[in-house]
Protein backbone atom coordinates (compact mmCIF):
# COMPACT_ATOMS: atom_id res chain seq x y z
CA MET A 1 -16.00 -25.10 -40.89
CA SER A 2 -19.14 -25.29 -38.66
CA MET A 3 -17.81 -28.35 -36.05
CA LEU A 4 -14.44 -26.05 -36.17
CA TYR A 5 -16.03 -23.24 -34.82
CA GLU A 6 -17.88 -24.97 -32.45
CA ASP A 7 -15.03 -26.38 -30.57
CA LYS A 8 -13.13 -23.26 -30.42
CA LYS A 9 -16.04 -21.68 -28.90
CA LYS A 10 -16.65 -24.07 -26.41
CA ALA A 11 -12.84 -23.96 -25.83
CA ASP A 12 -13.53 -20.45 -24.87
CA ASP A 13 -16.54 -20.81 -22.78
CA PRO A 14 -16.38 -19.33 -19.46
CA GLU A 15 -18.93 -22.18 -18.17
CA GLU A 16 -17.03 -24.96 -19.58
CA LEU A 17 -13.31 -23.99 -18.86
CA ALA A 18 -15.36 -23.48 -14.98
CA CYS A 19 -15.70 -27.49 -15.36
CA SER A 20 -11.98 -28.02 -16.27
CA TRP A 21 -10.39 -31.03 -14.63
CA ASP A 22 -7.65 -28.71 -14.29
CA TRP A 23 -7.56 -26.46 -11.09
CA HIS A 24 -5.20 -23.63 -12.93
CA VAL A 25 -7.90 -23.23 -15.77
CA ARG A 26 -10.41 -23.30 -12.86
CA ARG A 27 -8.61 -20.84 -11.16
CA LYS A 28 -7.99 -18.42 -14.39
CA VAL A 29 -11.39 -17.96 -14.76
CA ALA A 30 -12.25 -17.55 -10.85
CA TRP A 31 -9.68 -14.43 -11.56
CA SER A 32 -11.33 -12.87 -14.38
CA SER A 33 -13.35 -9.92 -14.62
CA GLU A 34 -15.54 -11.59 -17.11
CA ALA A 35 -16.56 -13.93 -15.05
CA SER A 36 -19.93 -13.71 -14.61
CA GLU A 37 -21.61 -14.04 -10.59
CA LYS A 38 -23.10 -17.48 -11.74
CA ILE A 39 -19.63 -19.24 -12.22
CA LEU A 40 -18.37 -17.08 -9.64
CA GLU A 41 -20.84 -19.08 -6.98
CA GLN A 42 -20.27 -21.62 -8.60
CA LEU A 43 -15.91 -21.76 -8.23
CA SER A 44 -16.27 -20.15 -4.89
CA ARG A 45 -17.47 -24.08 -3.57
CA ASP A 46 -14.40 -25.85 -5.65
CA SER A 47 -12.08 -28.08 -4.12
CA SER A 48 -8.76 -26.58 -4.21
CA GLN A 49 -8.01 -23.81 -2.28
CA TRP A 50 -6.49 -22.14 -4.62
CA VAL A 51 -9.77 -21.63 -7.11
CA ARG A 52 -11.93 -20.16 -3.84
CA GLU A 53 -9.17 -17.83 -2.92
CA ALA A 54 -9.19 -16.33 -6.89
CA VAL A 55 -12.82 -16.17 -6.21
CA ALA A 56 -12.14 -14.47 -3.04
CA GLY A 57 -9.83 -11.72 -4.93
CA ASN A 58 -12.43 -10.89 -7.68
CA ALA A 59 -14.08 -7.89 -7.69
CA ARG A 60 -17.23 -9.13 -9.34
CA THR A 61 -17.75 -11.54 -6.32
CA PRO A 62 -21.31 -11.17 -5.12
CA VAL A 63 -21.32 -9.80 -1.23
CA ALA A 64 -22.75 -12.79 -0.09
CA VAL A 65 -20.68 -15.12 -1.26
CA LEU A 66 -17.51 -12.97 0.21
CA ALA A 67 -19.67 -13.83 3.52
CA ARG A 68 -19.72 -17.23 2.95
CA LEU A 69 -15.68 -17.27 2.19
CA ALA A 70 -15.40 -15.41 5.26
CA GLY A 71 -15.68 -18.55 6.99
CA ASP A 72 -13.48 -21.20 4.75
CA SER A 73 -11.40 -23.21 5.99
CA SER A 74 -8.21 -21.78 4.20
CA GLY A 75 -6.96 -18.70 5.94
CA PHE A 76 -5.63 -17.75 2.24
CA VAL A 77 -9.20 -17.78 0.91
CA ARG A 78 -10.73 -15.35 4.08
CA ALA A 79 -7.19 -13.11 3.87
CA ALA A 80 -8.44 -12.52 0.06
CA VAL A 81 -11.65 -11.39 1.32
CA ALA A 82 -10.29 -9.00 3.76
CA LEU A 83 -8.59 -7.32 0.42
CA ASN A 84 -11.61 -7.22 -1.50
CA GLY A 85 -12.95 -4.04 -2.12
CA ARG A 86 -16.51 -5.39 -1.49
CA ALA A 87 -16.34 -6.85 2.01
CA SER A 88 -18.64 -5.34 3.88
CA ALA A 89 -17.64 -3.34 7.57
CA GLY A 90 -19.23 -6.32 9.06
CA ILE A 91 -17.07 -8.83 7.22
CA LEU A 92 -13.86 -7.47 8.11
CA ASP A 93 -15.45 -7.03 11.99
CA LEU A 94 -15.12 -10.98 11.50
CA LEU A 95 -11.74 -11.39 9.35
CA ALA A 96 -10.45 -8.32 12.86
CA GLY A 97 -10.48 -11.57 14.91
CA ASP A 98 -8.73 -13.98 12.93
CA GLU A 99 -5.82 -15.63 14.07
CA MET A 100 -4.53 -17.44 10.72
CA THR A 101 -1.19 -17.58 10.32
CA ASP A 102 1.50 -18.21 7.87
CA TYR A 103 5.66 -18.24 8.08
CA ASP A 104 7.47 -15.17 6.71
CA SER A 105 10.89 -17.19 5.50
CA THR A 106 12.12 -13.26 5.30
CA LEU A 107 11.38 -12.31 8.65
CA GLN A 108 11.30 -15.76 10.51
CA LYS A 109 8.71 -15.20 11.81
CA ASN A 110 4.37 -15.72 11.76
CA ARG A 111 2.14 -13.11 10.22
CA TYR A 112 -0.97 -13.01 10.93
CA LEU A 113 -2.21 -12.62 7.25
CA VAL A 114 -5.86 -12.12 7.73
CA LYS A 115 -5.83 -9.70 10.09
CA GLU A 116 -3.00 -7.70 8.35
CA ALA A 117 -5.40 -8.02 5.50
CA ALA A 118 -8.84 -6.60 7.30
CA ALA A 119 -6.49 -3.95 8.95
CA LYS A 120 -5.57 -2.28 5.45
CA SER A 121 -9.17 -2.20 3.97
CA PRO A 122 -10.82 0.96 3.50
CA HIS A 123 -13.91 -0.27 4.27
CA ILE A 124 -13.15 -1.74 7.78
CA ASP A 125 -14.80 0.39 10.69
CA PRO A 126 -13.22 2.76 12.58
CA SER A 127 -13.59 0.92 15.54
CA THR A 128 -12.49 -2.36 14.50
CA LEU A 129 -9.36 -0.59 12.94
CA ASP A 130 -8.70 0.87 16.21
CA PHE A 131 -8.90 -2.64 17.94
CA LEU A 132 -6.41 -3.74 15.23
CA ALA A 133 -4.06 -0.91 16.19
CA ARG A 134 -4.14 -1.91 19.88
CA ASP A 135 -3.27 -5.69 18.52
CA PRO A 136 0.10 -7.65 20.21
CA ASP A 137 1.49 -8.11 16.62
CA GLU A 138 3.66 -4.98 15.71
CA HIS A 139 2.76 -6.25 11.77
CA VAL A 140 -0.48 -6.31 12.49
CA ARG A 141 -0.42 -2.71 13.89
CA ALA A 142 1.85 -1.39 11.16
CA ALA A 143 -0.98 -2.62 8.88
CA ALA A 144 -3.52 -0.73 10.90
CA ALA A 145 -1.54 2.59 11.03
CA SER A 146 -1.45 3.05 6.91
CA ASN A 147 -5.44 2.67 7.22
CA PRO A 148 -6.67 6.57 6.44
CA ARG A 149 -9.45 5.79 8.58
CA LEU A 150 -7.56 5.18 11.66
CA PRO A 151 -9.22 7.25 14.54
CA ARG A 152 -7.10 10.28 15.87
CA GLN A 153 -7.00 9.52 19.80
CA ALA A 154 -4.94 5.94 17.99
CA MET A 155 -2.95 7.72 15.87
CA SER A 156 -1.02 9.99 18.40
CA ARG A 157 -1.23 6.67 20.58
CA MET A 158 0.31 4.63 17.81
CA ALA A 159 2.94 7.77 17.21
CA LYS A 160 5.28 6.80 20.11
CA ASP A 161 4.81 2.74 18.94
CA VAL A 162 8.47 0.56 19.99
CA PHE A 163 7.91 -1.30 16.32
CA TRP A 164 9.31 1.60 14.00
CA GLU A 165 7.77 0.52 10.94
CA VAL A 166 4.41 1.31 12.86
CA ARG A 167 5.50 4.98 13.33
CA ASN A 168 6.42 5.15 9.35
CA ASN A 169 3.37 3.69 8.00
CA LEU A 170 1.78 6.60 10.35
CA ALA A 171 4.67 9.30 8.67
CA ARG A 172 3.02 8.31 5.65
CA ASN A 173 -0.62 7.68 6.14
CA PRO A 174 -2.54 11.12 4.11
CA SER A 175 -4.94 11.37 7.40
CA THR A 176 -2.16 11.70 9.38
CA PRO A 177 -2.66 14.99 11.71
CA GLN A 178 0.13 17.75 10.77
CA ASP A 179 1.17 18.29 14.74
CA LEU A 180 1.47 14.28 14.85
CA LEU A 181 3.83 14.52 11.33
CA ALA A 182 5.46 16.92 12.72
CA TYR A 183 6.22 14.71 15.66
CA LEU A 184 7.42 12.06 13.59
CA SER A 185 9.63 14.23 12.00
CA GLN A 186 12.17 13.97 14.40
CA ASP A 187 11.98 10.76 15.06
CA ARG A 188 15.30 8.68 16.02
CA ILE A 189 14.80 6.30 12.65
CA MET A 190 16.20 7.84 9.55
CA ASP A 191 13.66 5.48 7.31
CA VAL A 192 10.25 7.13 9.29
CA ARG A 193 11.92 10.82 9.20
CA ALA A 194 12.28 10.12 5.74
CA THR A 195 9.13 9.13 5.30
CA ALA A 196 7.74 12.21 7.23
CA ALA A 197 9.56 14.50 4.63
CA GLY A 198 7.58 13.44 1.77
CA ASN A 199 4.57 13.45 3.18
CA PRO A 200 2.54 16.34 1.60
CA SER A 201 0.88 17.47 4.63
CA THR A 202 4.16 17.56 7.02
CA PRO A 203 4.31 21.20 7.92
CA ALA A 204 6.26 23.62 6.25
CA GLU A 205 8.11 24.48 9.89
CA ALA A 206 8.98 20.78 9.94
CA LEU A 207 10.24 20.19 6.51
CA ALA A 208 12.40 23.30 6.68
CA VAL A 209 14.30 21.77 10.00
CA LEU A 210 14.52 18.21 7.84
CA ALA A 211 16.57 20.56 5.20
CA SER A 212 19.42 20.15 7.56
CA ASP A 213 18.86 16.65 8.43
CA LYS A 214 22.04 14.65 9.01
CA SER A 215 20.79 11.79 6.38
CA TRP A 216 21.00 12.48 3.01
CA GLU A 217 18.13 10.44 2.48
CA VAL A 218 15.77 12.36 4.01
CA ARG A 219 17.18 15.55 2.27
CA GLU A 220 16.32 13.31 -0.89
CA ALA A 221 12.90 12.25 0.35
CA LEU A 222 12.27 15.82 1.16
CA ALA A 223 13.36 17.41 -2.21
CA LYS A 224 10.78 15.61 -3.52
CA ASN A 225 8.09 17.02 -1.80
CA THR A 226 5.96 18.95 -3.93
CA HIS A 227 5.21 21.19 -1.44
CA LEU A 228 8.63 22.40 -0.04
CA ASP A 229 9.37 26.24 -0.80
CA SER A 230 10.63 27.10 -3.49
CA GLN A 231 13.99 28.60 -1.43
CA ILE A 232 14.76 25.43 0.61
CA LEU A 233 14.66 23.86 -2.65
CA ALA A 234 17.31 25.95 -4.51
CA ASP A 235 19.41 25.83 -1.11
CA MET A 236 19.25 22.01 -1.52
CA GLY A 237 20.15 22.15 -5.22
CA GLY A 238 23.81 22.50 -3.72
CA HIS A 239 23.68 19.28 -1.59
CA TRP A 240 27.17 17.18 -1.96
CA SER A 241 24.92 14.30 -3.09
CA TRP A 242 24.12 14.08 -6.80
CA MET A 243 20.88 12.22 -5.88
CA VAL A 244 19.44 14.96 -3.97
CA ARG A 245 20.76 17.24 -6.79
CA VAL A 246 18.94 15.07 -9.06
CA ALA A 247 15.24 15.09 -6.56
CA VAL A 248 15.80 18.98 -6.57
CA VAL A 249 16.07 18.69 -10.15
CA GLU A 250 12.60 16.90 -10.77
CA ASN A 251 10.66 18.90 -8.10
CA PRO A 252 8.15 20.84 -10.58
CA HIS A 253 8.53 23.74 -8.11
CA THR A 254 12.68 24.20 -8.41
CA PRO A 255 13.41 27.98 -9.34
CA PRO A 256 14.50 27.91 -13.24
CA GLU A 257 17.63 29.82 -11.85
CA THR A 258 18.35 26.85 -10.24
CA LEU A 259 17.49 24.50 -12.97
CA LYS A 260 19.61 26.42 -14.94
CA ARG A 261 22.58 26.02 -12.40
CA LEU A 262 22.38 22.63 -12.27
CA ALA A 263 22.37 22.07 -16.24
CA GLU A 264 26.09 22.36 -15.35
CA ASP A 265 26.58 20.65 -12.77
CA PRO A 266 29.15 18.60 -12.45
CA ASP A 267 27.35 15.22 -12.49
CA GLN A 268 26.31 14.25 -15.57
CA SER A 269 22.79 12.16 -13.93
CA VAL A 270 21.93 16.23 -12.86
CA GLN A 271 22.94 17.53 -15.91
CA LYS A 272 21.06 15.29 -18.09
CA ALA A 273 17.96 16.01 -15.68
CA ALA A 274 18.33 19.80 -15.27
CA ARG A 275 18.66 19.75 -19.91
CA SER A 276 15.64 17.90 -19.85
CA ARG A 277 13.31 19.90 -17.73
CA ILE A 278 14.97 23.01 -19.11
CA GLY A 279 13.81 21.42 -22.68
């Protein structure tokens, strides 16, 4: 009985598993939230890049180890370092110039994975982020546009970027100033207007204009905005699209009389949503 217990203990021992011949096992240990710094240090030197990538992504990995992995031969490891919340501004500054690319079969183009990851980090220095916001690659700029640490001057410039995803991410950014959100709410691309319509920081005047947008998708996004005026919500309760009316029902600020009216809506989905709100 004692021998069986010792065998089981050995099988569950992280130090033993970290030495397994199977890299899948070592990778699992490297991802574990219970892995000690000693084990993570050991696995950060593993021969398999996928094990080192797991170490680079572990929130418990020491900053000194991340700094070393930032110079790893594998771009996937370096990208994981950039995404790690413990990566310092100095590490991210180094990775902001990383030219590693990987082919994206969906877009049929190469993506700068490390630079994109660095641009999304909440710990990146604003000046480094501004550098990435000027990158020739549109997806790197789009990643930078989503970061709340992006400087105001860079945001003003990016509001007119030729790539719609840059503008779209800026419209979603919680730090984007109201005047830029108002500008983006008039974008020629429907997705950008819809994103601006859903941003709680978009000014009331811009939201009122979006209530008359030609696209039902924009109005649906608008109806979900919890900062939307209750009268506008009531008016949108009569929209021809059942998806817009459901969004109106689900908004916590929709007037009770509107909910009662929608509880008798011809569309069953709207009826069900409204009746569940009424209780």
